[in-house]
Amino acid sequence: TVYLQMDSLKPEDTAVYFCYAYEQFPYWGQGT
């Protein structure tokens, strides 16, 4: 598991966040 701890959030941080991994090929999560 990889984590992204986000503090002091700003309105401009509003987005869909995607997890990405690379092992021979790129892979994407569905987004949150």
PDB file of all heavy atoms in Angstrom:
ATOM      1  N   THR A   1       0.838  -1.203   0.000  1.00  0.00           N
ATOM      2  CA  THR A   1       0.000   0.000   0.000  1.00  0.00           C
ATOM      3  C   THR A   1       0.872   1.252   0.000  1.00  0.00           C
ATOM      4  O   THR A   1       1.875   1.319   0.717  1.00  0.00           O
ATOM      5  CB  THR A   1      -0.931   0.013   1.218  1.00  0.00           C
ATOM      6  OG1 THR A   1      -1.782  -1.143   1.158  1.00  0.00           O
ATOM      7  CG2 THR A   1      -1.795   1.261   1.236  1.00  0.00           C
ATOM      8  N   VAL A   2       0.468   2.208  -0.809  1.00  0.00           N
ATOM      9  CA  VAL A   2       1.082   3.522  -0.844  1.00  0.00           C
ATOM     10  C   VAL A   2       0.073   4.535  -0.324  1.00  0.00           C
ATOM     11  O   VAL A   2      -1.124   4.428  -0.618  1.00  0.00           O
ATOM     12  CB  VAL A   2       1.515   3.886  -2.278  1.00  0.00           C
ATOM     13  CG1 VAL A   2       1.950   5.334  -2.357  1.00  0.00           C
ATOM     14  CG2 VAL A   2       2.657   2.998  -2.717  1.00  0.00           C
ATOM     15  N   TYR A   3       0.569   5.483   0.425  1.00  0.00           N
ATOM     16  CA  TYR A   3      -0.295   6.490   1.037  1.00  0.00           C
ATOM     17  C   TYR A   3       0.073   7.888   0.534  1.00  0.00           C
ATOM     18  O   TYR A   3       1.207   8.151   0.143  1.00  0.00           O
ATOM     19  CB  TYR A   3      -0.139   6.466   2.560  1.00  0.00           C
ATOM     20  CG  TYR A   3      -0.404   5.130   3.185  1.00  0.00           C
ATOM     21  CD1 TYR A   3       0.644   4.273   3.514  1.00  0.00           C
ATOM     22  CD2 TYR A   3      -1.703   4.713   3.447  1.00  0.00           C
ATOM     23  CE1 TYR A   3       0.404   3.042   4.085  1.00  0.00           C
ATOM     24  CE2 TYR A   3      -1.956   3.476   4.026  1.00  0.00           C
ATOM     25  CZ  TYR A   3      -0.901   2.649   4.337  1.00  0.00           C
ATOM     26  OH  TYR A   3      -1.146   1.424   4.908  1.00  0.00           O
ATOM     27  N   LEU A   4      -0.913   8.760   0.568  1.00  0.00           N
ATOM     28  CA  LEU A   4      -0.660  10.182   0.324  1.00  0.00           C
ATOM     29  C   LEU A   4      -1.323  10.945   1.463  1.00  0.00           C
ATOM     30  O   LEU A   4      -2.544  11.057   1.514  1.00  0.00           O
ATOM     31  CB  LEU A   4      -1.215  10.645  -1.021  1.00  0.00           C
ATOM     32  CG  LEU A   4      -0.866  12.085  -1.395  1.00  0.00           C
ATOM     33  CD1 LEU A   4       0.639  12.232  -1.633  1.00  0.00           C
ATOM     34  CD2 LEU A   4      -1.645  12.547  -2.631  1.00  0.00           C
ATOM     35  N   GLN A   5      -0.503  11.421   2.382  1.00  0.00           N
ATOM     36  CA  GLN A   5      -0.986  12.240   3.477  1.00  0.00           C
ATOM     37  C   GLN A   5      -1.039  13.679   3.007  1.00  0.00           C
ATOM     38  O   GLN A   5      -0.028  14.231   2.593  1.00  0.00           O
ATOM     39  CB  GLN A   5      -0.062  12.126   4.691  1.00  0.00           C
ATOM     40  CG  GLN A   5      -0.440  13.022   5.856  1.00  0.00           C
ATOM     41  CD  GLN A   5      -1.741  12.625   6.503  1.00  0.00           C
ATOM     42  OE1 GLN A   5      -1.984  11.441   6.757  1.00  0.00           O
ATOM     43  NE2 GLN A   5      -2.604  13.595   6.786  1.00  0.00           N
ATOM     44  N   MET A   6      -2.229  14.257   3.058  1.00  0.00           N
ATOM     45  CA  MET A   6      -2.421  15.612   2.556  1.00  0.00           C
ATOM     46  C   MET A   6      -2.853  16.513   3.706  1.00  0.00           C
ATOM     47  O   MET A   6      -3.909  16.293   4.307  1.00  0.00           O
ATOM     48  CB  MET A   6      -3.487  15.621   1.459  1.00  0.00           C
ATOM     49  CG  MET A   6      -3.182  14.666   0.310  1.00  0.00           C
ATOM     50  SD  MET A   6      -4.368  14.780  -1.038  1.00  0.00           S
ATOM     51  CE  MET A   6      -5.837  14.163  -0.231  1.00  0.00           C
ATOM     52  N   ASP A   7      -2.026  17.482   4.034  1.00  0.00           N
ATOM     53  CA  ASP A   7      -2.298  18.433   5.106  1.00  0.00           C
ATOM     54  C   ASP A   7      -2.420  19.845   4.540  1.00  0.00           C
ATOM     55  O   ASP A   7      -2.002  20.109   3.417  1.00  0.00           O
ATOM     56  CB  ASP A   7      -1.172  18.385   6.150  1.00  0.00           C
ATOM     57  CG  ASP A   7      -1.020  17.022   6.792  1.00  0.00           C
ATOM     58  OD1 ASP A   7      -2.052  16.405   7.116  1.00  0.00           O
ATOM     59  OD2 ASP A   7       0.129  16.573   6.973  1.00  0.00           O
ATOM     60  N   SER A   8      -2.971  20.724   5.350  1.00  0.00           N
ATOM     61  CA  SER A   8      -3.135  22.131   4.958  1.00  0.00           C
ATOM     62  C   SER A   8      -3.765  22.234   3.571  1.00  0.00           C
ATOM     63  O   SER A   8      -3.291  22.985   2.706  1.00  0.00           O
ATOM     64  CB  SER A   8      -1.775  22.853   4.975  1.00  0.00           C
ATOM     65  OG  SER A   8      -1.178  22.771   6.242  1.00  0.00           O
ATOM     66  N   LEU A   9      -4.823  21.493   3.369  1.00  0.00           N
ATOM     67  CA  LEU A   9      -5.454  21.438   2.056  1.00  0.00           C
ATOM     68  C   LEU A   9      -6.051  22.776   1.664  1.00  0.00           C
ATOM     69  O   LEU A   9      -6.556  23.534   2.501  1.00  0.00           O
ATOM     70  CB  LEU A   9      -6.522  20.352   2.042  1.00  0.00           C
ATOM     71  CG  LEU A   9      -5.959  18.925   1.904  1.00  0.00           C
ATOM     72  CD1 LEU A   9      -6.969  17.896   2.363  1.00  0.00           C
ATOM     73  CD2 LEU A   9      -5.548  18.673   0.462  1.00  0.00           C
ATOM     74  N   LYS A  10      -5.969  23.055   0.358  1.00  0.00           N
ATOM     75  CA  LYS A  10      -6.481  24.294  -0.216  1.00  0.00           C
ATOM     76  C   LYS A  10      -7.566  23.965  -1.241  1.00  0.00           C
ATOM     77  O   LYS A  10      -7.572  22.855  -1.808  1.00  0.00           O
ATOM     78  CB  LYS A  10      -5.348  25.041  -0.926  1.00  0.00           C
ATOM     79  CG  LYS A  10      -4.125  25.317  -0.064  1.00  0.00           C
ATOM     80  CD  LYS A  10      -3.022  25.945  -0.885  1.00  0.00           C
ATOM     81  CE  LYS A  10      -1.775  26.194  -0.050  1.00  0.00           C
ATOM     82  NZ  LYS A  10      -0.676  26.811  -0.854  1.00  0.00           N
ATOM     83  N   PRO A  11      -8.451  24.905  -1.515  1.00  0.00           N
ATOM     84  CA  PRO A  11      -9.476  24.642  -2.533  1.00  0.00           C
ATOM     85  C   PRO A  11      -8.889  24.212  -3.874  1.00  0.00           C
ATOM     86  O   PRO A  11      -9.483  23.382  -4.573  1.00  0.00           O
ATOM     87  CB  PRO A  11     -10.197  25.992  -2.639  1.00  0.00           C
ATOM     88  CG  PRO A  11     -10.050  26.596  -1.280  1.00  0.00           C
ATOM     89  CD  PRO A  11      -8.673  26.192  -0.827  1.00  0.00           C
ATOM     90  N   GLU A  12      -7.725  24.729  -4.223  1.00  0.00           N
ATOM     91  CA  GLU A  12      -7.113  24.352  -5.498  1.00  0.00           C
ATOM     92  C   GLU A  12      -6.574  22.924  -5.516  1.00  0.00           C
ATOM     93  O   GLU A  12      -6.141  22.444  -6.563  1.00  0.00           O
ATOM     94  CB  GLU A  12      -5.993  25.334  -5.873  1.00  0.00           C
ATOM     95  CG  GLU A  12      -4.977  25.602  -4.782  1.00  0.00           C
ATOM     96  CD  GLU A  12      -5.289  26.858  -3.984  1.00  0.00           C
ATOM     97  OE1 GLU A  12      -6.467  27.082  -3.630  1.00  0.00           O
ATOM     98  OE2 GLU A  12      -4.320  27.611  -3.699  1.00  0.00           O
ATOM     99  N   ASP A  13      -6.591  22.250  -4.370  1.00  0.00           N
ATOM    100  CA  ASP A  13      -6.228  20.834  -4.333  1.00  0.00           C
ATOM    101  C   ASP A  13      -7.409  19.946  -4.737  1.00  0.00           C
ATOM    102  O   ASP A  13      -7.246  18.725  -4.870  1.00  0.00           O
ATOM    103  CB  ASP A  13      -5.776  20.431  -2.929  1.00  0.00           C
ATOM    104  CG  ASP A  13      -4.485  21.107  -2.509  1.00  0.00           C
ATOM    105  OD1 ASP A  13      -3.572  21.217  -3.356  1.00  0.00           O
ATOM    106  OD2 ASP A  13      -4.392  21.535  -1.336  1.00  0.00           O
ATOM    107  N   THR A  14      -8.566  20.538  -4.922  1.00  0.00           N
ATOM    108  CA  THR A  14      -9.738  19.774  -5.348  1.00  0.00           C
ATOM    109  C   THR A  14      -9.473  19.097  -6.680  1.00  0.00           C
ATOM    110  O   THR A  14      -9.096  19.758  -7.658  1.00  0.00           O
ATOM    111  CB  THR A  14     -10.967  20.696  -5.465  1.00  0.00           C
ATOM    112  OG1 THR A  14     -11.302  21.190  -4.162  1.00  0.00           O
ATOM    113  CG2 THR A  14     -12.152  19.938  -6.056  1.00  0.00           C
ATOM    114  N   ALA A  15      -9.649  17.785  -6.714  1.00  0.00           N
ATOM    115  CA  ALA A  15      -9.337  17.011  -7.919  1.00  0.00           C
ATOM    116  C   ALA A  15      -9.721  15.560  -7.689  1.00  0.00           C
ATOM    117  O   ALA A  15      -9.986  15.139  -6.557  1.00  0.00           O
ATOM    118  CB  ALA A  15      -7.851  17.108  -8.249  1.00  0.00           C
ATOM    119  N   VAL A  16      -9.714  14.812  -8.773  1.00  0.00           N
ATOM    120  CA  VAL A  16      -9.729  13.360  -8.668  1.00  0.00           C
ATOM    121  C   VAL A  16      -8.270  12.914  -8.588  1.00  0.00           C
ATOM    122  O   VAL A  16      -7.461  13.292  -9.445  1.00  0.00           O
ATOM    123  CB  VAL A  16     -10.422  12.698  -9.866  1.00  0.00           C
ATOM    124  CG1 VAL A  16     -10.379  11.183  -9.739  1.00  0.00           C
ATOM    125  CG2 VAL A  16     -11.865  13.189  -9.985  1.00  0.00           C
ATOM    126  N   TYR A  17      -7.956  12.155  -7.565  1.00  0.00           N
ATOM    127  CA  TYR A  17      -6.594  11.689  -7.348  1.00  0.00           C
ATOM    128  C   TYR A  17      -6.470  10.243  -7.814  1.00  0.00           C
ATOM    129  O   TYR A  17      -7.282   9.390  -7.439  1.00  0.00           O
ATOM    130  CB  TYR A  17      -6.224  11.819  -5.871  1.00  0.00           C
ATOM    131  CG  TYR A  17      -5.925  13.239  -5.480  1.00  0.00           C
ATOM    132  CD1 TYR A  17      -6.951  14.187  -5.393  1.00  0.00           C
ATOM    133  CD2 TYR A  17      -4.622  13.664  -5.228  1.00  0.00           C
ATOM    134  CE1 TYR A  17      -6.684  15.515  -5.070  1.00  0.00           C
ATOM    135  CE2 TYR A  17      -4.339  14.984  -4.901  1.00  0.00           C
ATOM    136  CZ  TYR A  17      -5.373  15.899  -4.818  1.00  0.00           C
ATOM    137  OH  TYR A  17      -5.091  17.206  -4.497  1.00  0.00           O
ATOM    138  N   PHE A  18      -5.439   9.996  -8.616  1.00  0.00           N
ATOM    139  CA  PHE A  18      -5.225   8.689  -9.203  1.00  0.00           C
ATOM    140  C   PHE A  18      -3.912   8.078  -8.702  1.00  0.00           C
ATOM    141  O   PHE A  18      -2.886   8.755  -8.652  1.00  0.00           O
ATOM    142  CB  PHE A  18      -5.150   8.786 -10.727  1.00  0.00           C
ATOM    143  CG  PHE A  18      -6.409   9.254 -11.390  1.00  0.00           C
ATOM    144  CD1 PHE A  18      -6.635  10.605 -11.606  1.00  0.00           C
ATOM    145  CD2 PHE A  18      -7.361   8.339 -11.801  1.00  0.00           C
ATOM    146  CE1 PHE A  18      -7.795  11.043 -12.218  1.00  0.00           C
ATOM    147  CE2 PHE A  18      -8.528   8.764 -12.418  1.00  0.00           C
ATOM    148  CZ  PHE A  18      -8.748  10.116 -12.622  1.00  0.00           C
ATOM    149  N   CYS A  19      -3.982   6.814  -8.403  1.00  0.00           N
ATOM    150  CA  CYS A  19      -2.789   6.048  -8.079  1.00  0.00           C
ATOM    151  C   CYS A  19      -2.203   5.516  -9.381  1.00  0.00           C
ATOM    152  O   CYS A  19      -2.948   5.108 -10.290  1.00  0.00           O
ATOM    153  CB  CYS A  19      -3.172   4.904  -7.148  1.00  0.00           C
ATOM    154  SG  CYS A  19      -1.808   3.854  -6.628  1.00  0.00           S
ATOM    155  N   TYR A  20      -0.896   5.506  -9.463  1.00  0.00           N
ATOM    156  CA  TYR A  20      -0.190   5.058 -10.666  1.00  0.00           C
ATOM    157  C   TYR A  20       0.946   4.140 -10.252  1.00  0.00           C
ATOM    158  O   TYR A  20       1.623   4.378  -9.246  1.00  0.00           O
ATOM    159  CB  TYR A  20       0.362   6.277 -11.409  1.00  0.00           C
ATOM    160  CG  TYR A  20       1.305   5.959 -12.542  1.00  0.00           C
ATOM    161  CD1 TYR A  20       0.834   5.805 -13.835  1.00  0.00           C
ATOM    162  CD2 TYR A  20       2.676   5.832 -12.317  1.00  0.00           C
ATOM    163  CE1 TYR A  20       1.697   5.529 -14.886  1.00  0.00           C
ATOM    164  CE2 TYR A  20       3.551   5.551 -13.358  1.00  0.00           C
ATOM    165  CZ  TYR A  20       3.055   5.409 -14.635  1.00  0.00           C
ATOM    166  OH  TYR A  20       3.908   5.132 -15.670  1.00  0.00           O
ATOM    167  N   ALA A  21       1.149   3.094 -11.041  1.00  0.00           N
ATOM    168  CA  ALA A  21       2.272   2.196 -10.794  1.00  0.00           C
ATOM    169  C   ALA A  21       2.886   1.805 -12.134  1.00  0.00           C
ATOM    170  O   ALA A  21       2.201   1.791 -13.172  1.00  0.00           O
ATOM    171  CB  ALA A  21       1.811   0.956 -10.041  1.00  0.00           C
ATOM    172  N   TYR A  22       4.164   1.517 -12.104  1.00  0.00           N
ATOM    173  CA  TYR A  22       4.838   1.097 -13.330  1.00  0.00           C
ATOM    174  C   TYR A  22       5.690  -0.130 -13.059  1.00  0.00           C
ATOM    175  O   TYR A  22       6.550  -0.117 -12.162  1.00  0.00           O
ATOM    176  CB  TYR A  22       5.713   2.214 -13.890  1.00  0.00           C
ATOM    177  CG  TYR A  22       6.308   1.839 -15.225  1.00  0.00           C
ATOM    178  CD1 TYR A  22       5.599   2.096 -16.400  1.00  0.00           C
ATOM    179  CD2 TYR A  22       7.537   1.170 -15.318  1.00  0.00           C
ATOM    180  CE1 TYR A  22       6.116   1.719 -17.633  1.00  0.00           C
ATOM    181  CE2 TYR A  22       8.044   0.789 -16.540  1.00  0.00           C
ATOM    182  CZ  TYR A  22       7.334   1.068 -17.693  1.00  0.00           C
ATOM    183  OH  TYR A  22       7.835   0.683 -18.913  1.00  0.00           O
ATOM    184  N   GLU A  23       5.409  -1.147 -13.831  1.00  0.00           N
ATOM    185  CA  GLU A  23       6.250  -2.347 -13.847  1.00  0.00           C
ATOM    186  C   GLU A  23       6.124  -2.930 -15.245  1.00  0.00           C
ATOM    187  O   GLU A  23       5.150  -3.607 -15.551  1.00  0.00           O
ATOM    188  CB  GLU A  23       5.793  -3.344 -12.788  1.00  0.00           C
ATOM    189  CG  GLU A  23       6.683  -4.579 -12.714  1.00  0.00           C
ATOM    190  CD  GLU A  23       6.107  -5.629 -11.777  1.00  0.00           C
ATOM    191  OE1 GLU A  23       5.219  -6.389 -12.228  1.00  0.00           O
ATOM    192  OE2 GLU A  23       6.508  -5.669 -10.609  1.00  0.00           O
ATOM    193  N   GLN A  24       7.047  -2.597 -16.090  1.00  0.00           N
ATOM    194  CA  GLN A  24       7.032  -2.953 -17.517  1.00  0.00           C
ATOM    195  C   GLN A  24       5.957  -2.179 -18.282  1.00  0.00           C
ATOM    196  O   GLN A  24       6.152  -1.815 -19.438  1.00  0.00           O
ATOM    197  CB  GLN A  24       6.829  -4.444 -17.741  1.00  0.00           C
ATOM    198  CG  GLN A  24       7.988  -5.303 -17.237  1.00  0.00           C
ATOM    199  CD  GLN A  24       7.817  -6.759 -17.589  1.00  0.00           C
ATOM    200  OE1 GLN A  24       6.754  -7.328 -17.363  1.00  0.00           O
ATOM    201  NE2 GLN A  24       8.855  -7.356 -18.141  1.00  0.00           N
ATOM    202  N   PHE A  25       4.821  -1.955 -17.645  1.00  0.00           N
ATOM    203  CA  PHE A  25       3.726  -1.188 -18.251  1.00  0.00           C
ATOM    204  C   PHE A  25       3.162  -0.238 -17.197  1.00  0.00           C
ATOM    205  O   PHE A  25       3.284  -0.493 -16.000  1.00  0.00           O
ATOM    206  CB  PHE A  25       2.604  -2.116 -18.735  1.00  0.00           C
ATOM    207  CG  PHE A  25       3.044  -3.144 -19.741  1.00  0.00           C
ATOM    208  CD1 PHE A  25       3.290  -4.447 -19.355  1.00  0.00           C
ATOM    209  CD2 PHE A  25       3.207  -2.792 -21.071  1.00  0.00           C
ATOM    210  CE1 PHE A  25       3.710  -5.397 -20.268  1.00  0.00           C
ATOM    211  CE2 PHE A  25       3.614  -3.734 -21.997  1.00  0.00           C
ATOM    212  CZ  PHE A  25       3.870  -5.040 -21.594  1.00  0.00           C
ATOM    213  N   PRO A  26       2.505   0.832 -17.637  1.00  0.00           N
ATOM    214  CA  PRO A  26       1.852   1.726 -16.676  1.00  0.00           C
ATOM    215  C   PRO A  26       0.490   1.183 -16.261  1.00  0.00           C
ATOM    216  O   PRO A  26      -0.216   0.569 -17.069  1.00  0.00           O
ATOM    217  CB  PRO A  26       1.685   3.016 -17.475  1.00  0.00           C
ATOM    218  CG  PRO A  26       1.598   2.572 -18.890  1.00  0.00           C
ATOM    219  CD  PRO A  26       2.461   1.344 -18.995  1.00  0.00           C
ATOM    220  N   TYR A  27       0.157   1.417 -15.006  1.00  0.00           N
ATOM    221  CA  TYR A  27      -1.139   0.990 -14.485  1.00  0.00           C
ATOM    222  C   TYR A  27      -1.743   2.144 -13.696  1.00  0.00           C
ATOM    223  O   TYR A  27      -1.039   2.866 -12.994  1.00  0.00           O
ATOM    224  CB  TYR A  27      -0.990  -0.236 -13.576  1.00  0.00           C
ATOM    225  CG  TYR A  27      -0.441  -1.449 -14.277  1.00  0.00           C
ATOM    226  CD1 TYR A  27       0.923  -1.734 -14.245  1.00  0.00           C
ATOM    227  CD2 TYR A  27      -1.280  -2.312 -14.974  1.00  0.00           C
ATOM    228  CE1 TYR A  27       1.434  -2.848 -14.905  1.00  0.00           C
ATOM    229  CE2 TYR A  27      -0.770  -3.429 -15.625  1.00  0.00           C
ATOM    230  CZ  TYR A  27       0.580  -3.684 -15.580  1.00  0.00           C
ATOM    231  OH  TYR A  27       1.082  -4.780 -16.231  1.00  0.00           O
ATOM    232  N   TRP A  28      -3.077   2.273 -13.801  1.00  0.00           N
ATOM    233  CA  TRP A  28      -3.796   3.349 -13.127  1.00  0.00           C
ATOM    234  C   TRP A  28      -4.906   2.789 -12.253  1.00  0.00           C
ATOM    235  O   TRP A  28      -5.545   1.802 -12.620  1.00  0.00           O
ATOM    236  CB  TRP A  28      -4.429   4.289 -14.151  1.00  0.00           C
ATOM    237  CG  TRP A  28      -3.447   5.081 -14.946  1.00  0.00           C
ATOM    238  CD1 TRP A  28      -2.914   4.762 -16.157  1.00  0.00           C
ATOM    239  CD2 TRP A  28      -2.873   6.343 -14.585  1.00  0.00           C
ATOM    240  NE1 TRP A  28      -2.049   5.743 -16.569  1.00  0.00           N
ATOM    241  CE2 TRP A  28      -2.009   6.729 -15.621  1.00  0.00           C
ATOM    242  CE3 TRP A  28      -3.008   7.196 -13.478  1.00  0.00           C
ATOM    243  CZ2 TRP A  28      -1.271   7.920 -15.600  1.00  0.00           C
ATOM    244  CZ3 TRP A  28      -2.279   8.376 -13.459  1.00  0.00           C
ATOM    245  CH2 TRP A  28      -1.430   8.728 -14.502  1.00  0.00           C
ATOM    246  N   GLY A  29      -5.134   3.456 -11.127  1.00  0.00           N
ATOM    247  CA  GLY A  29      -6.304   3.166 -10.330  1.00  0.00           C
ATOM    248  C   GLY A  29      -7.513   3.881 -10.892  1.00  0.00           C
ATOM    249  O   GLY A  29      -7.419   4.629 -11.869  1.00  0.00           O
ATOM    250  N   GLN A  30      -8.658   3.682 -10.247  1.00  0.00           N
ATOM    251  CA  GLN A  30      -9.911   4.236 -10.760  1.00  0.00           C
ATOM    252  C   GLN A  30     -10.120   5.691 -10.354  1.00  0.00           C
ATOM    253  O   GLN A  30     -10.978   6.370 -10.922  1.00  0.00           O
ATOM    254  CB  GLN A  30     -11.099   3.388 -10.276  1.00  0.00           C
ATOM    255  CG  GLN A  30     -11.572   3.671  -8.849  1.00  0.00           C
ATOM    256  CD  GLN A  30     -10.659   3.093  -7.777  1.00  0.00           C
ATOM    257  OE1 GLN A  30      -9.650   2.445  -8.067  1.00  0.00           O
ATOM    258  NE2 GLN A  30     -11.032   3.313  -6.520  1.00  0.00           N
ATOM    259  N   GLY A  31      -9.350   6.156  -9.403  1.00  0.00           N
ATOM    260  CA  GLY A  31      -9.452   7.544  -8.953  1.00  0.00           C
ATOM    261  C   GLY A  31     -10.352   7.696  -7.746  1.00  0.00           C
ATOM    262  O   GLY A  31     -11.307   6.940  -7.566  1.00  0.00           O
ATOM    263  N   THR A  32     -10.028   8.690  -6.924  1.00  0.00           N
ATOM    264  CA  THR A  32     -10.848   9.011  -5.763  1.00  0.00           C
ATOM    265  C   THR A  32     -10.976  10.531  -5.671  1.00  0.00           C
ATOM    266  O   THR A  32      -9.994  11.255  -5.832  1.00  0.00           O
ATOM    267  CB  THR A  32     -10.250   8.410  -4.465  1.00  0.00           C
ATOM    268  OG1 THR A  32     -11.133   8.647  -3.369  1.00  0.00           O
ATOM    269  CG2 THR A  32      -8.881   8.979  -4.135  1.00  0.00           C
TER     270      THR A  32
END
